[in-house]
Protein backbone atom coordinates (compact mmCIF):
# COMPACT_ATOMS: atom_id res chain seq x y z
CA MET A 1 5.02 142.95 107.75
CA SER A 2 4.38 143.08 104.00
CA PRO A 3 7.08 141.77 101.64
CA SER A 4 7.56 145.21 100.07
CA SER A 5 8.46 146.76 103.43
CA THR A 6 11.39 144.35 103.84
CA LEU A 7 12.75 144.63 100.29
CA PRO A 8 15.64 146.87 99.28
CA PRO A 9 14.16 150.11 97.88
CA ILE A 10 15.76 149.53 94.47
CA VAL A 11 13.74 146.27 94.16
CA THR A 12 10.47 148.02 94.88
CA SER A 13 11.27 150.72 92.32
CA TRP A 14 12.39 148.13 89.75
CA ALA A 15 9.19 146.08 90.11
CA SER A 16 6.90 149.14 90.05
CA ALA A 17 8.48 150.41 86.85
CA TRP A 18 7.95 147.03 85.19
CA ASN A 19 4.36 146.68 86.39
CA GLU A 20 3.37 150.22 85.37
CA ASN A 21 5.14 150.15 81.97
CA ARG A 22 7.41 153.04 82.96
CA GLY A 23 10.54 152.30 80.91
CA GLU A 24 12.13 155.67 81.57
CA ASP A 25 11.75 155.18 85.33
CA LEU A 26 13.34 151.73 85.09
CA ALA A 27 16.16 153.09 82.95
CA ALA A 28 16.84 155.80 85.56
CA LEU A 29 17.81 153.04 88.02
CA PHE A 30 20.63 151.96 85.66
CA ALA A 31 24.12 153.29 84.94
CA GLU A 32 24.63 154.87 81.51
CA ASP A 33 26.71 151.89 80.29
CA CYS A 34 24.50 149.18 81.84
CA VAL A 35 23.76 145.74 80.43
CA TYR A 36 20.35 144.01 80.70
CA ASP A 37 20.29 140.27 79.95
CA ASP A 38 17.13 138.23 79.46
CA LEU A 39 18.67 134.76 79.48
CA ALA A 40 15.49 132.90 78.48
CA PHE A 41 15.11 134.81 75.21
CA GLN A 42 18.89 135.25 74.87
CA GLY A 43 18.48 139.01 74.57
CA THR A 44 20.98 141.64 75.69
CA TRP A 45 20.32 145.38 75.82
CA GLN A 46 22.96 147.98 76.55
CA GLY A 47 22.45 151.47 77.89
CA ARG A 48 19.48 153.25 79.40
CA ASP A 49 17.68 153.86 76.10
CA GLN A 50 17.66 150.14 75.30
CA VAL A 51 16.48 149.26 78.83
CA ALA A 52 13.55 151.68 78.44
CA TRP A 53 12.83 150.22 74.99
CA TRP A 54 12.81 146.68 76.42
CA VAL A 55 10.16 147.58 78.97
CA GLY A 56 7.90 149.05 76.27
CA ARG A 57 8.53 146.14 73.91
CA THR A 58 7.65 143.65 76.65
CA HIS A 59 4.35 145.44 77.30
CA GLU A 60 3.60 145.52 73.54
CA THR A 61 4.26 141.78 73.22
CA LEU A 62 2.48 140.73 76.42
CA ALA A 63 -0.90 141.59 77.92
CA SER A 64 -1.19 141.95 81.68
CA VAL A 65 2.54 142.00 82.44
CA GLN A 66 2.99 141.42 86.17
CA VAL A 67 6.10 141.28 88.33
CA GLU A 68 5.29 139.84 91.76
CA VAL A 69 8.35 139.93 93.99
CA ARG A 70 8.49 137.12 96.52
CA THR A 71 11.77 137.95 98.20
CA GLY A 72 14.99 139.85 97.72
CA PHE A 73 18.11 140.92 99.49
CA ARG A 74 21.05 143.22 98.95
CA THR A 75 24.76 143.08 99.69
CA ASP A 76 27.07 146.03 99.04
CA ASP A 77 27.10 145.67 95.27
CA MET A 78 24.61 142.90 94.45
CA VAL A 79 20.86 142.39 94.70
CA ALA A 80 19.09 139.04 94.35
CA ILE A 81 15.36 138.95 93.59
CA GLU A 82 13.00 135.97 93.43
CA TRP A 83 9.77 136.86 91.66
CA THR A 84 6.93 135.54 89.54
CA PHE A 85 6.63 136.79 85.96
CA SER A 86 3.14 136.53 84.52
CA GLY A 87 1.22 137.76 81.55
CA GLN A 88 -0.08 136.55 78.22
CA LEU A 89 1.77 136.69 74.95
CA ARG A 90 -0.66 138.46 72.63
CA VAL A 91 -0.34 135.66 70.06
CA ALA A 92 -0.96 132.89 72.64
CA PRO A 93 -4.19 131.23 73.68
CA SER A 94 -3.25 131.13 77.40
CA GLY A 95 -1.37 133.12 79.98
CA PHE A 96 1.68 132.05 81.96
CA ALA A 97 3.23 132.52 85.40
CA VAL A 98 6.83 131.42 85.92
CA PRO A 99 9.40 131.84 88.67
CA VAL A 100 12.33 134.16 87.92
CA THR A 101 15.59 134.89 89.65
CA THR A 102 17.20 138.25 88.88
CA ILE A 103 20.65 139.32 89.89
CA LEU A 104 21.45 143.03 89.85
CA GLN A 105 25.02 144.24 89.98
CA LEU A 106 25.41 147.72 91.41
CA ASP A 107 27.88 150.54 91.32
CA ARG A 108 26.89 152.69 94.24
CA GLU A 109 23.12 153.05 93.77
CA LEU A 110 22.91 152.35 90.02
CA ILE A 111 22.40 149.00 88.30
CA THR A 112 25.29 148.10 86.01
CA ARG A 113 23.98 144.65 85.03
CA ASN A 114 20.56 143.01 85.27
CA SER A 115 20.37 139.28 84.61
CA ASP A 116 16.91 137.65 84.41
CA ASN A 117 16.87 133.84 84.68
CA TYR A 118 13.70 131.87 83.93
CA ASN A 119 12.48 128.89 81.95
CA LEU A 120 11.38 129.81 78.41
CA ALA A 121 10.04 126.29 77.84
CA ALA A 122 7.65 126.77 80.78
CA VAL A 123 6.47 130.13 79.34
CA LEU A 124 5.75 128.55 75.97
CA ARG A 125 4.14 125.40 77.39
CA GLN A 126 1.82 127.36 79.70
CA SER A 127 1.02 129.77 76.86
CA GLY A 128 -0.01 126.95 74.53
CA LEU A 129 2.71 127.74 72.00
CA PRO A 130 5.10 125.29 70.31
CA ALA A 131 8.52 124.78 71.86
CA ASP A 132 10.22 126.34 68.81
CA TRP A 133 8.16 129.55 68.87
CA THR A 134 10.11 132.81 68.65
CA PRO A 135 8.86 136.42 68.92
CA GLY A 136 9.37 136.95 65.19
CA ALA A 137 7.35 133.85 64.29
């Protein structure tokens, strides 16, 4: 059995939207007043428009964005996802691949909060960038 056949459907849709740079499709999985947290970069986006923007911005900043889901499960109002985030920052000499844990909070079938947890230091080290690098640098 393939991993995607055992995942909650919302996880499969979430990962596909990220991989295919379909910000509007990802945003459609979210409630109007949702919150999306990227804890590594300390970024927070609120509402569907900002979620869609974040997908596009990620694909502008990174080449070869890839979300590879390893496992995930759902309870009534929560989803946990373990996945590998890979790509190459366009300003970096090397690519990266880091493990991520994402927690989705749900209200019925819509995501109200997305919290991505991964190690920024590992992204920068693998990319060949200094530890104090920031996207505006």
